[in-house]
Each structure stands twice: as structure tokens, then as C-alpha cells.
C-alpha atoms as a PDB file:
ATOM      1  CA  MET A   1       9.479   5.355  30.884  1.00  0.00           C
ATOM      2  CA  ALA A   2       9.796   3.107  27.842  1.00  0.00           C
ATOM      3  CA  GLU A   3       8.495   4.533  24.587  1.00  0.00           C
ATOM      4  CA  ASP A   4       6.900   2.708  21.684  1.00  0.00           C
ATOM      5  CA  ILE A   5       8.748   2.269  18.418  1.00  0.00           C
ATOM      6  CA  THR A   6       7.944   5.216  16.157  1.00  0.00           C
ATOM      7  CA  GLY A   7       9.377   4.207  12.778  1.00  0.00           C
ATOM      8  CA  GLU A   8       8.709   1.473  10.231  1.00  0.00           C
ATOM      9  CA  TYR A   9      11.072  -1.438   9.675  1.00  0.00           C
ATOM     10  CA  TRP A  10      11.572  -4.846   8.134  1.00  0.00           C
ATOM     11  CA  ILE A  11      12.932  -7.542  10.434  1.00  0.00           C
ATOM     12  CA  HIS A  12      14.871 -10.000   8.289  1.00  0.00           C
ATOM     13  CA  ASP A  13      14.885 -13.740   8.999  1.00  0.00           C
ATOM     14  CA  ASP A  14      18.241 -13.404  10.774  1.00  0.00           C
ATOM     15  CA  GLY A  15      16.794 -10.851  13.219  1.00  0.00           C
ATOM     16  CA  ASP A  16      18.449  -7.766  11.693  1.00  0.00           C
ATOM     17  CA  ALA A  17      16.191  -4.727  11.289  1.00  0.00           C
ATOM     18  CA  GLU A  18      16.094  -2.507   8.193  1.00  0.00           C
ATOM     19  CA  TYR A  19      14.576   0.975   8.294  1.00  0.00           C
ATOM     20  CA  CYS A  20      11.858   1.463   5.668  1.00  0.00           C
ATOM     21  CA  ASP A  21       9.702   4.468   6.489  1.00  0.00           C
ATOM     22  CA  GLY A  22       8.948   5.852   3.016  1.00  0.00           C
ATOM     23  CA  ASP A  23       7.886   9.219   4.451  1.00  0.00           C
ATOM     24  CA  ILE A  24      11.444   9.778   5.688  1.00  0.00           C
ATOM     25  CA  GLY A  25      13.754   7.328   3.919  1.00  0.00           C
ATOM     26  CA  ASP A  26      14.144   6.311   0.285  1.00  0.00           C
ATOM     27  CA  MET A  27      11.854   3.261   0.263  1.00  0.00           C
ATOM     28  CA  ASN A  28       8.904   1.867   2.172  1.00  0.00           C
ATOM     29  CA  HIS A  29       8.120  -1.789   2.951  1.00  0.00           C
ATOM     30  CA  GLU A  30       6.908  -2.535  -0.576  1.00  0.00           C
ATOM     31  CA  GLY A  31       9.779  -0.720  -2.264  1.00  0.00           C
ATOM     32  CA  ILE A  32      12.401  -2.727  -0.403  1.00  0.00           C
ATOM     33  CA  VAL A  33      10.716  -6.019  -1.322  1.00  0.00           C
ATOM     34  CA  LEU A  34      10.346  -4.996  -4.964  1.00  0.00           C
ATOM     35  CA  ASN A  35      14.026  -4.048  -5.202  1.00  0.00           C
ATOM     36  CA  ARG A  36      15.125  -7.291  -3.509  1.00  0.00           C
ATOM     37  CA  VAL A  37      13.012  -9.666  -5.604  1.00  0.00           C
ATOM     38  CA  GLN A  38      14.002  -7.951  -8.855  1.00  0.00           C
ATOM     39  CA  ARG A  39      17.684  -8.229  -7.904  1.00  0.00           C
ATOM     40  CA  ASP A  40      17.226 -11.910  -7.056  1.00  0.00           C
ATOM     41  CA  ILE A  41      15.674 -12.651 -10.451  1.00  0.00           C
ATOM     42  CA  VAL A  42      18.352 -10.773 -12.400  1.00  0.00           C
ATOM     43  CA  GLU A  43      20.991 -12.699 -10.457  1.00  0.00           C
ATOM     44  CA  LYS A  44      19.321 -16.042 -11.240  1.00  0.00           C
ATOM     45  CA  VAL A  45      18.703 -15.352 -14.925  1.00  0.00           C
ATOM     46  CA  GLY A  46      21.741 -13.204 -15.676  1.00  0.00           C
ATOM     47  CA  ASP A  47      22.310  -9.501 -16.214  1.00  0.00           C
ATOM     48  CA  VAL A  48      22.790  -7.795 -19.589  1.00  0.00           C
ATOM     49  CA  LYS A  49      25.206  -5.028 -20.545  1.00  0.00           C
ATOM     50  CA  LYS A  50      23.543  -1.778 -21.528  1.00  0.00           C
ATOM     51  CA  ASP A  51      23.803  -0.568 -25.114  1.00  0.00           C
ATOM     52  CA  THR A  52      24.742   3.116 -25.062  1.00  0.00           C
ATOM     53  CA  GLY A  53      23.674   3.582 -28.680  1.00  0.00           C
ATOM     54  CA  SER A  54      27.244   4.131 -29.881  1.00  0.00           C
ATOM     55  CA  GLY A  55      27.933   0.471 -30.395  1.00  0.00           C
ATOM     56  CA  LEU A  56      29.567   0.173 -26.975  1.00  0.00           C
ATOM     57  CA  ALA A  57      28.140  -1.802 -24.066  1.00  0.00           C
ATOM     58  CA  ARG A  58      28.711   0.006 -20.798  1.00  0.00           C
ATOM     59  CA  GLY A  59      27.085  -0.348 -17.387  1.00  0.00           C
ATOM     60  CA  ILE A  60      24.601  -2.917 -16.131  1.00  0.00           C
ATOM     61  CA  TYR A  61      20.911  -2.959 -15.278  1.00  0.00           C
ATOM     62  CA  VAL A  62      21.506  -3.523 -11.565  1.00  0.00           C
ATOM     63  CA  THR A  63      23.075  -0.637  -9.650  1.00  0.00           C
ATOM     64  CA  ASP A  64      23.298   0.479  -6.050  1.00  0.00           C
ATOM     65  CA  ASP A  65      20.185   2.588  -6.662  1.00  0.00           C
ATOM     66  CA  GLY A  66      18.034  -0.337  -7.773  1.00  0.00           C
ATOM     67  CA  VAL A  67      17.101  -2.318 -10.869  1.00  0.00           C
ATOM     68  CA  ASP A  68      16.100  -0.992 -14.264  1.00  0.00           C
ATOM     69  CA  TRP A  69      13.507  -3.747 -14.426  1.00  0.00           C
ATOM     70  CA  ASP A  70      11.796  -2.895 -17.709  1.00  0.00           C
ATOM     71  CA  GLY A  71      15.127  -2.179 -19.382  1.00  0.00           C
ATOM     72  CA  TRP A  72      16.537  -5.504 -18.187  1.00  0.00           C
ATOM     73  CA  LYS A  73      13.498  -7.470 -19.386  1.00  0.00           C
ATOM     74  CA  ASP A  74      13.680  -5.955 -22.877  1.00  0.00           C
ATOM     75  CA  ALA A  75      17.433  -6.434 -23.161  1.00  0.00           C
ATOM     76  CA  LYS A  76      17.377  -9.986 -21.803  1.00  0.00           C
ATOM     77  CA  ALA A  77      14.529 -10.996 -24.089  1.00  0.00           C
ATOM     78  CA  ASN A  78      16.420  -9.588 -27.066  1.00  0.00           C
ATOM     79  CA  GLU A  79      19.573 -11.425 -26.007  1.00  0.00           C
ATOM     80  CA  LEU A  80      17.661 -14.712 -25.831  1.00  0.00           C
ATOM     81  CA  LEU A  81      16.104 -14.091 -29.247  1.00  0.00           C
ATOM     82  CA  VAL A  82      19.526 -13.492 -30.778  1.00  0.00           C
ATOM     83  CA  GLN A  83      20.882 -16.648 -29.158  1.00  0.00           C
ATOM     84  CA  ARG A  84      18.076 -18.704 -30.708  1.00  0.00           C
ATOM     85  CA  TYR A  85      17.444 -17.047 -34.066  1.00  0.00           C
ATOM     86  CA  GLY A  86      20.588 -15.075 -34.812  1.00  0.00           C
ATOM     87  CA  GLU A  87      20.072 -12.498 -37.544  1.00  0.00           C
ATOM     88  CA  GLN A  88      16.378 -13.441 -37.819  1.00  0.00           C
ATOM     89  CA  ALA A  89      15.733 -12.405 -34.198  1.00  0.00           C
ATOM     90  CA  ASP A  90      13.674  -9.371 -35.244  1.00  0.00           C
ATOM     91  CA  ASP A  91      11.255 -11.677 -37.084  1.00  0.00           C
ATOM     92  CA  HIS A  92      10.452 -13.443 -33.799  1.00  0.00           C
ATOM     93  CA  GLU A  93      10.184 -10.421 -31.526  1.00  0.00           C
ATOM     94  CA  ASP A  94       6.784 -11.563 -30.222  1.00  0.00           C
ATOM     95  CA  GLU A  95       8.449 -14.652 -28.690  1.00  0.00           C
ATOM     96  CA  GLY A  96      10.794 -12.644 -26.488  1.00  0.00           C
ATOM     97  CA  GLU A  97       8.574 -12.551 -23.413  1.00  0.00           C
ATOM     98  CA  GLU A  98       7.949 -16.296 -23.526  1.00  0.00           C
ATOM     99  CA  LEU A  99      11.679 -17.019 -23.884  1.00  0.00           C
ATOM    100  CA  LEU A 100      12.374 -14.739 -20.915  1.00  0.00           C
ATOM    101  CA  LEU A 101       9.830 -16.545 -18.731  1.00  0.00           C
ATOM    102  CA  GLN A 102      11.294 -19.904 -19.736  1.00  0.00           C
ATOM    103  CA  ALA A 103      14.769 -18.693 -18.807  1.00  0.00           C
ATOM    104  CA  ALA A 104      13.438 -17.417 -15.473  1.00  0.00           C
ATOM    105  CA  HIS A 105      11.813 -20.755 -14.641  1.00  0.00           C
ATOM    106  CA  GLY A 106      14.966 -22.542 -15.716  1.00  0.00           C
ATOM    107  CA  GLY A 107      16.941 -20.357 -13.312  1.00  0.00           C
ATOM    108  CA  GLY A 108      14.706 -21.326 -10.407  1.00  0.00           C
ATOM    109  CA  VAL A 109      12.374 -18.316 -10.420  1.00  0.00           C
ATOM    110  CA  SER A 110       8.871 -19.176  -9.215  1.00  0.00           C
ATOM    111  CA  ASP A 111       5.644 -17.684 -10.564  1.00  0.00           C
ATOM    112  CA  GLU A 112       5.148 -15.952  -7.202  1.00  0.00           C
ATOM    113  CA  GLU A 113       8.577 -14.303  -7.445  1.00  0.00           C
ATOM    114  CA  TRP A 114       7.931 -13.094 -10.980  1.00  0.00           C
ATOM    115  CA  GLU A 115       4.541 -11.641 -10.036  1.00  0.00           C
ATOM    116  CA  ALA A 116       6.110  -9.880  -7.055  1.00  0.00           C
ATOM    117  CA  ALA A 117       8.847  -8.438  -9.284  1.00  0.00           C
ATOM    118  CA  GLU A 118       6.102  -7.064 -11.522  1.00  0.00           C
ATOM    119  CA  GLY A 119       4.555  -5.386  -8.466  1.00  0.00           C
ATOM    120  CA  LEU A 120       1.515  -7.664  -8.419  1.00  0.00           C
ATOM    121  CA  GLY A 121      -0.194  -8.751  -5.216  1.00  0.00           C
ATOM    122  CA  ASP A 122       0.675  -7.753  -1.649  1.00  0.00           C
ATOM    123  CA  LEU A 123       4.459  -7.474  -1.544  1.00  0.00           C
ATOM    124  CA  ARG A 124       4.512  -7.419   2.256  1.00  0.00           C
ATOM    125  CA  ASP A 125       2.658 -10.732   2.425  1.00  0.00           C
ATOM    126  CA  PHE A 126       5.071 -12.155  -0.156  1.00  0.00           C
ATOM    127  CA  ALA A 127       8.118 -11.225   1.934  1.00  0.00           C
ATOM    128  CA  MET A 128       6.563 -12.520   5.140  1.00  0.00           C
ATOM    129  CA  GLU A 129       5.445 -15.838   3.642  1.00  0.00           C
ATOM    130  CA  HIS A 130       8.436 -16.639   1.413  1.00  0.00           C
ATOM    131  CA  TRP A 131      11.356 -14.961   3.197  1.00  0.00           C
ATOM    132  CA  GLY A 132      10.213 -15.064   6.816  1.00  0.00           C
ATOM    133  CA  TRP A 133      10.414 -11.270   7.160  1.00  0.00           C
ATOM    134  CA  LYS A 134       8.430  -9.331   9.775  1.00  0.00           C
ATOM    135  CA  ALA A 135       6.915  -5.912   9.083  1.00  0.00           C
ATOM    136  CA  VAL A 136       7.087  -3.422  11.941  1.00  0.00           C
ATOM    137  CA  ARG A 137       4.896  -0.322  11.975  1.00  0.00           C
ATOM    138  CA  GLY A 138       5.307   1.422  15.298  1.00  0.00           C
ATOM    139  CA  PRO A 139       3.961  -0.930  17.993  1.00  0.00           C
ATOM    140  CA  HIS A 140       2.503  -3.349  15.396  1.00  0.00           C
ATOM    141  CA  VAL A 141       4.399  -6.385  14.102  1.00  0.00           C
ATOM    142  CA  ASP A 142       3.118  -8.384  11.119  1.00  0.00           C
ATOM    143  CA  THR A 143       4.310 -11.957  10.631  1.00  0.00           C
ATOM    144  CA  TRP A 144       3.165 -14.866   8.474  1.00  0.00           C
ATOM    145  CA  THR A 145       3.454 -17.475  11.253  1.00  0.00           C
ATOM    146  CA  LEU A 146       4.263 -17.410  14.956  1.00  0.00           C
ATOM    147  CA  THR A 147       6.535 -20.359  15.632  1.00  0.00           C
ATOM    148  CA  PRO A 148       9.179 -20.309  18.387  1.00  0.00           C
ATOM    149  CA  HIS A 149      11.717 -19.374  15.696  1.00  0.00           C
ATOM    150  CA  ASP A 150       9.466 -16.505  14.563  1.00  0.00           C
ATOM    151  CA  MET A 151       9.230 -15.229  18.131  1.00  0.00           C
ATOM    152  CA  SER A 152      13.019 -15.398  18.507  1.00  0.00           C
ATOM    153  CA  THR A 153      13.452 -13.475  15.229  1.00  0.00           C
ATOM    154  CA  ILE A 154      10.891 -10.847  16.235  1.00  0.00           C
ATOM    155  CA  ALA A 155      12.499 -10.383  19.656  1.00  0.00           C
ATOM    156  CA  ALA A 156      15.968  -9.947  18.128  1.00  0.00           C
ATOM    157  CA  GLY A 157      14.646  -7.492  15.558  1.00  0.00           C
ATOM    158  CA  LEU A 158      12.714  -5.443  18.092  1.00  0.00           C
ATOM    159  CA  ASN A 159      15.805  -5.243  20.325  1.00  0.00           C
ATOM    160  CA  ASP A 160      17.771  -4.007  17.309  1.00  0.00           C
ATOM    161  CA  ILE A 161      15.109  -1.387  16.550  1.00  0.00           C
ATOM    162  CA  LEU A 162      14.877  -0.238  20.175  1.00  0.00           C
ATOM    163  CA  ASP A 163      18.669   0.218  20.166  1.00  0.00           C
ATOM    164  CA  GLN A 164      18.514   2.181  16.898  1.00  0.00           C
ATOM    165  CA  GLU A 165      15.861   4.484  18.329  1.00  0.00           C
ATOM    166  CA  GLY A 166      17.716   4.872  21.632  1.00  0.00           C
ATOM    167  CA  ASN A 167      14.914   3.286  23.656  1.00  0.00           C
ATOM    168  CA  ASP A 168      16.436   1.737  26.777  1.00  0.00           C
ATOM    169  CA  ALA A 169      13.616  -0.313  28.270  1.00  0.00           C
ATOM    170  CA  ASP A 170      13.929  -2.657  31.237  1.00  0.00           C
ATOM    171  CA  GLU A 171      11.742  -5.684  31.900  1.00  0.00           C
ATOM    172  CA  ASP A 172       9.582  -3.780  34.379  1.00  0.00           C
ATOM    173  CA  ASP A 173       8.838  -0.982  31.934  1.00  0.00           C
ATOM    174  CA  GLU A 174       9.037  -2.263  28.362  1.00  0.00           C
ATOM    175  CA  PRO A 175       6.585  -1.570  25.525  1.00  0.00           C
ATOM    176  CA  THR A 176       3.952  -4.076  24.475  1.00  0.00           C
ATOM    177  CA  PHE A 177       3.643  -5.002  20.817  1.00  0.00           C
ATOM    178  CA  ALA A 178       0.621  -6.204  18.860  1.00  0.00           C
ATOM    179  CA  ILE A 179       1.732  -9.314  16.955  1.00  0.00           C
ATOM    180  CA  ILE A 180      -0.540  -9.940  13.933  1.00  0.00           C
ATOM    181  CA  VAL A 181      -0.303 -13.413  12.345  1.00  0.00           C
ATOM    182  CA  HIS A 182      -1.404 -13.097   8.718  1.00  0.00           C
ATOM    183  CA  SER A 183      -1.766 -16.802   7.955  1.00  0.00           C
ATOM    184  CA  SER A 184      -4.334 -17.299  10.714  1.00  0.00           C
ATOM    185  CA  GLY A 185      -5.775 -13.826  11.290  1.00  0.00           C
ATOM    186  CA  LYS A 186      -4.943 -14.039  15.015  1.00  0.00           C
ATOM    187  CA  SER A 187      -3.279 -11.329  17.076  1.00  0.00           C
ATOM    188  CA  PHE A 188      -1.396 -11.289  20.369  1.00  0.00           C
ATOM    189  CA  GLU A 189      -0.001  -8.674  22.719  1.00  0.00           C
ATOM    190  CA  MET A 190       3.510  -9.459  23.957  1.00  0.00           C
ATOM    191  CA  THR A 191       6.647  -7.733  25.191  1.00  0.00           C
ATOM    192  CA  VAL A 192      10.134  -8.538  23.969  1.00  0.00           C
ATOM    193  CA  SER A 193      10.856 -10.416  27.208  1.00  0.00           C
ATOM    194  CA  GLN A 194       7.788 -12.577  26.732  1.00  0.00           C
ATOM    195  CA  LEU A 195       8.734 -13.297  23.114  1.00  0.00           C
ATOM    196  CA  GLU A 196      12.226 -14.345  24.220  1.00  0.00           C
ATOM    197  CA  ALA A 197      10.883 -16.536  27.011  1.00  0.00           C
ATOM    198  CA  GLN A 198       8.395 -18.318  24.774  1.00  0.00           C
ATOM    199  CA  SER A 199      10.883 -18.788  21.929  1.00  0.00           C
ATOM    200  CA  ASN A 200      13.147 -20.733  24.297  1.00  0.00           C
ATOM    201  CA  ASN A 201      10.486 -23.403  24.810  1.00  0.00           C
ATOM    202  CA  GLN A 202      11.645 -25.097  21.611  1.00  0.00           C
ATOM    203  CA  PRO A 203      14.851 -24.913  19.532  1.00  0.00           C
ATOM    204  CA  PRO A 204      14.854 -23.006  16.227  1.00  0.00           C
ATOM    205  CA  PRO A 205      13.353 -25.024  13.373  1.00  0.00           C
ATOM    206  CA  GLU A 206      15.586 -27.119  11.143  1.00  0.00           C
ATOM    207  CA  GLN A 207      12.848 -27.911   8.652  1.00  0.00           C
ATOM    208  CA  GLU A 208      11.423 -25.395   6.209  1.00  0.00           C
ATOM    209  CA  ASP A 209       7.804 -26.314   6.908  1.00  0.00           C
ATOM    210  CA  GLU A 210       7.747 -25.864  10.667  1.00  0.00           C
ATOM    211  CA  PRO A 211       4.213 -26.064  12.140  1.00  0.00           C
ATOM    212  CA  GLU A 212       2.868 -22.883  13.640  1.00  0.00           C
ATOM    213  CA  ALA A 213       2.997 -22.771  17.405  1.00  0.00           C
ATOM    214  CA  ASP A 214      -0.288 -23.373  19.211  1.00  0.00           C
ATOM    215  CA  PRO A 215      -0.991 -20.048  20.996  1.00  0.00           C
ATOM    216  CA  GLU A 216      -2.921 -21.842  23.756  1.00  0.00           C
ATOM    217  CA  GLN A 217       0.210 -23.868  24.587  1.00  0.00           C
ATOM    218  CA  VAL A 218       2.944 -21.381  23.774  1.00  0.00           C
ATOM    219  CA  LEU A 219       1.547 -18.262  25.430  1.00  0.00           C
ATOM    220  CA  PRO A 220       1.226 -17.907  29.203  1.00  0.00           C
ATOM    221  CA  PRO A 221      -2.334 -17.613  30.620  1.00  0.00           C
ATOM    222  CA  GLN A 222      -2.177 -13.816  30.775  1.00  0.00           C
ATOM    223  CA  GLN A 223      -1.175 -13.667  27.113  1.00  0.00           C
ATOM    224  CA  LYS A 224      -4.086 -15.411  25.429  1.00  0.00           C
ATOM    225  CA  PRO A 225      -5.073 -14.088  21.975  1.00  0.00           C
ATOM    226  CA  SER A 226      -5.873 -10.404  22.027  1.00  0.00           C
ATOM    227  CA  SER A 227      -9.517  -9.425  21.948  1.00  0.00           C
ATOM    228  CA  ALA A 228      -8.656  -6.614  19.547  1.00  0.00           C
ATOM    229  CA  PRO A 229     -10.644  -7.076  16.316  1.00  0.00           C
ATOM    230  CA  THR A 230      -8.743  -8.571  13.409  1.00  0.00           C
ATOM    231  CA  SER A 231      -9.354  -7.681   9.762  1.00  0.00           C
ATOM    232  CA  ARG A 232     -11.313 -10.919   9.394  1.00  0.00           C
ATOM    233  CA  SER A 233     -13.589 -10.227  12.357  1.00  0.00           C
ATOM    234  CA  VAL A 234     -14.172  -6.663  11.156  1.00  0.00           C
ATOM    235  CA  SER A 235     -15.116  -7.998   7.718  1.00  0.00           C
ATOM    236  CA  GLN A 236     -17.561 -10.475   9.260  1.00  0.00           C
ATOM    237  CA  ASP A 237     -19.111  -7.702  11.345  1.00  0.00           C
ATOM    238  CA  ILE A 238     -19.560  -5.549   8.226  1.00  0.00           C
ATOM    239  CA  ASP A 239     -21.204  -8.474   6.402  1.00  0.00           C
ATOM    240  CA  PHE A 240     -23.591  -8.958   9.320  1.00  0.00           C
ATOM    241  CA  GLN A 241     -24.533  -5.274   9.319  1.00  0.00           C
ATOM    242  CA  GLN A 242     -25.085  -5.309   5.559  1.00  0.00           C
ATOM    243  CA  ASP A 243     -27.332  -8.384   5.831  1.00  0.00           C
ATOM    244  CA  SER A 244     -29.303  -6.702   8.610  1.00  0.00           C
ATOM    245  CA  ALA A 245     -29.660  -3.593   6.496  1.00  0.00           C
ATOM    246  CA  ARG A 246     -31.035  -5.598   3.574  1.00  0.00           C
ATOM    247  CA  ASN A 247     -33.523  -7.414   5.833  1.00  0.00           C
ATOM    248  CA  TYR A 248     -34.781  -4.173   7.377  1.00  0.00           C
ATOM    249  CA  ALA A 249     -35.029  -2.594   3.936  1.00  0.00           C
ATOM    250  CA  ARG A 250     -37.056  -5.542   2.661  1.00  0.00           C
ATOM    251  CA  GLN A 251     -39.369  -5.293   5.651  1.00  0.00           C
ATOM    252  CA  ALA A 252     -39.834  -1.575   4.994  1.00  0.00           C
ATOM    253  CA  ASP A 253     -40.638  -2.322   1.366  1.00  0.00           C
ATOM    254  CA  MET A 254     -43.297  -4.844   2.347  1.00  0.00           C
ATOM    255  CA  GLU A 255     -44.966  -2.416   4.763  1.00  0.00           C
ATOM    256  CA  ASN A 256     -45.078   0.368   2.178  1.00  0.00           C
ATOM    257  CA  MET A 257     -45.984  -1.871  -0.756  1.00  0.00           C
ATOM    258  CA  PRO A 258     -49.510  -1.613  -2.239  1.00  0.00           C
ATOM    259  CA  ASP A 259     -51.765  -4.538  -1.300  1.00  0.00           C
ATOM    260  CA  TYR A 260     -51.973  -5.591  -4.950  1.00  0.00           C
ATOM    261  CA  TYR A 261     -48.263  -6.531  -4.969  1.00  0.00           C
ATOM    262  CA  ARG A 262     -47.994  -7.566  -1.317  1.00  0.00           C
ATOM    263  CA  ASN A 263     -50.538 -10.366  -1.736  1.00  0.00           C
ATOM    264  CA  LYS A 264     -48.756 -11.890  -4.708  1.00  0.00           C
ATOM    265  CA  LYS A 265     -46.705 -15.058  -4.402  1.00  0.00           C
ATOM    266  CA  HIS A 266     -43.560 -13.145  -5.457  1.00  0.00           C
ATOM    267  CA  PRO A 267     -44.336  -9.543  -4.486  1.00  0.00           C
ATOM    268  CA  PHE A 268     -40.907  -8.138  -5.387  1.00  0.00           C
ATOM    269  CA  ALA A 269     -40.921  -9.637  -8.871  1.00  0.00           C
ATOM    270  CA  ASP A 270     -43.198  -6.919 -10.327  1.00  0.00           C
ATOM    271  CA  TRP A 271     -42.747  -4.048  -7.903  1.00  0.00           C
ATOM    272  CA  THR A 272     -39.978  -1.701  -9.038  1.00  0.00           C
ATOM    273  CA  ARG A 273     -39.658   0.731  -6.176  1.00  0.00           C
ATOM    274  CA  PRO A 274     -35.930   1.495  -5.591  1.00  0.00           C
ATOM    275  CA  ARG A 275     -34.445  -0.171  -2.530  1.00  0.00           C
ATOM    276  CA  PRO A 276     -33.641   2.145   0.405  1.00  0.00           C
ATOM    277  CA  THR A 277     -30.067   3.252   0.783  1.00  0.00           C
ATOM    278  CA  PHE A 278     -28.135   2.405   3.929  1.00  0.00           C
ATOM    279  CA  ARG A 279     -28.791   5.934   5.228  1.00  0.00           C
ATOM    280  CA  GLU A 280     -32.543   5.487   4.617  1.00  0.00           C
ATOM    281  CA  TRP A 281     -32.442   2.163   6.461  1.00  0.00           C
ATOM    282  CA  VAL A 282     -30.770   3.798   9.477  1.00  0.00           C
ATOM    283  CA  GLN A 283     -33.422   6.516   9.514  1.00  0.00           C
ATOM    284  CA  TYR A 284     -36.158   3.897   9.201  1.00  0.00           C
ATOM    285  CA  ARG A 285     -34.650   1.859  12.039  1.00  0.00           C
ATOM    286  CA  ASP A 286     -34.428   4.889  14.337  1.00  0.00           C
ATOM    287  CA  VAL A 287     -38.080   5.747  13.703  1.00  0.00           C
ATOM    288  CA  ARG A 288     -39.114   2.212  14.624  1.00  0.00           C
END
């Protein structure tokens, strides 16, 4: 019997899978993205030799273990200050960060890349949107879009992962994966065979801005969007419950309000009784 994937992985845009379970390995999904984007920026802007304090420059800020990001920023900013102001560089220390950002933009670094390198925002969304990566967490696959090329990439990556985990599944007994599309909030349940079949409907994209596949046309009838709740639908359901709670609480207030305030045009303007908590509303609802 085929087993579900148990680990966590990144599927790169070429279909290769990279293990990234932070509970077992060195880095999780976010750590791998942070290391990659910092390396990319250092490569675009240029690395700086480390000052050992003895007047000798030895080593660099990018090693096999990662990037000394803060050290590189300070050293690169100082290097740029010296290039511009020479011996007066110390008098313009407050301009170092601005010079560094200018150099980054000049090297082709976008604002989104810089923010990601600083650890700001959702690094998984950044990698999915800008690099075309897919995040795998057990039987769940997160992707930014679901074009035929995306489905081909996901299928190749899942096959790689299944091989790494020693899961030999045949078409009659293969695991089903929940594919979550972050740009649209939709989700689908598909096997690797179904992903491969649907990805062959169209050739891989040659343009960067390929339109997302229409699930109604791409998926077979039995694979219409999953009825499993998405984060958006859950949020809407919570909003509805909160609105209902406020309405019931207001009704309870009116029923328990003295006639003097209830008969006013704006009864809640003067009455200062604390609003019921959500627990109080539930108890009030059950009594009714």
C-alpha cells in the first residue's frame, strides 16, 4: 500500500526536491529561502573580504554554512563609503545604508528581494511567487499558481520525493495530494499520475507571465476543486460568527436595558453596560 510523504521539502522550478524539515535537518523552508536570497544579493552586489583585526583580510562573508548577512552589510557599506569619501568616510557613516541600497538596486536587486533577505514577510510565499518553488509538507503541496508547467514541476518533484523516501507507488495505489494555490486560495486533490496527465495538455510555458490554468477546463470532472475549507473561507466563516455574536449581544443588551435608555433615539450612546463576551453570548444563545 502506498504511503503518504512524511517529510518537508522544497520542489525547485526544475522539479528537483530539496529536504527542509527543520525538526530533523539543518534548515526549514524559511531558512533555505533566507540563505538563498542573501547569497543572491551578495553575488549581485559583490562580496567583501573580512578584516581579521590584524590588518590582514582573510575569508569572505559567504561560506558553505551560510551568509554572515549583518557582517556583510556593515563591511559593504563601509567599502562604499571609502570609495566615495576616502579618508573622510567616517564623517559620512550615516550614509552607508543608503549607499548600500543604491548599490543593491544598481545590481538588479528588487525591493522584494531585499525585504526577504532581511527576513520580512512570508518567505515561503516569496519563493513560490518569484522563483516558482513548491512547498511540500507531507501530503500538502503549496504553489503560487497551477499552470500546466506548475503541474509538471510538482509531479516531477513528488516523484523525486517518493523515490527519496522509498515509496514505490503504482497508478492503482498512489497517494493523493492536496494542492493549495496561494494566488487564488483554491485547493485541489490530485495524484501524481493526474498531475502528469493534465500537464501534458499544454507545452511548458515560454513566457514568464503564463496565465493560470482554468481548473474547470484543466481538471477532469472527478477532480473539481476540493470542498476542503481554504484559509480564506475559514476567515470568512469566522467573520460571520463574530458578526452574529455582536448582533446577539446587542439584542441581549436591548432586552436587559432599562426603559429610560431603551426608548431613546440612540439608546447605546448613554448606556455604559459592558458588552457581553463571546462566552456570555454563547450562554445567552443556549438559554434562548
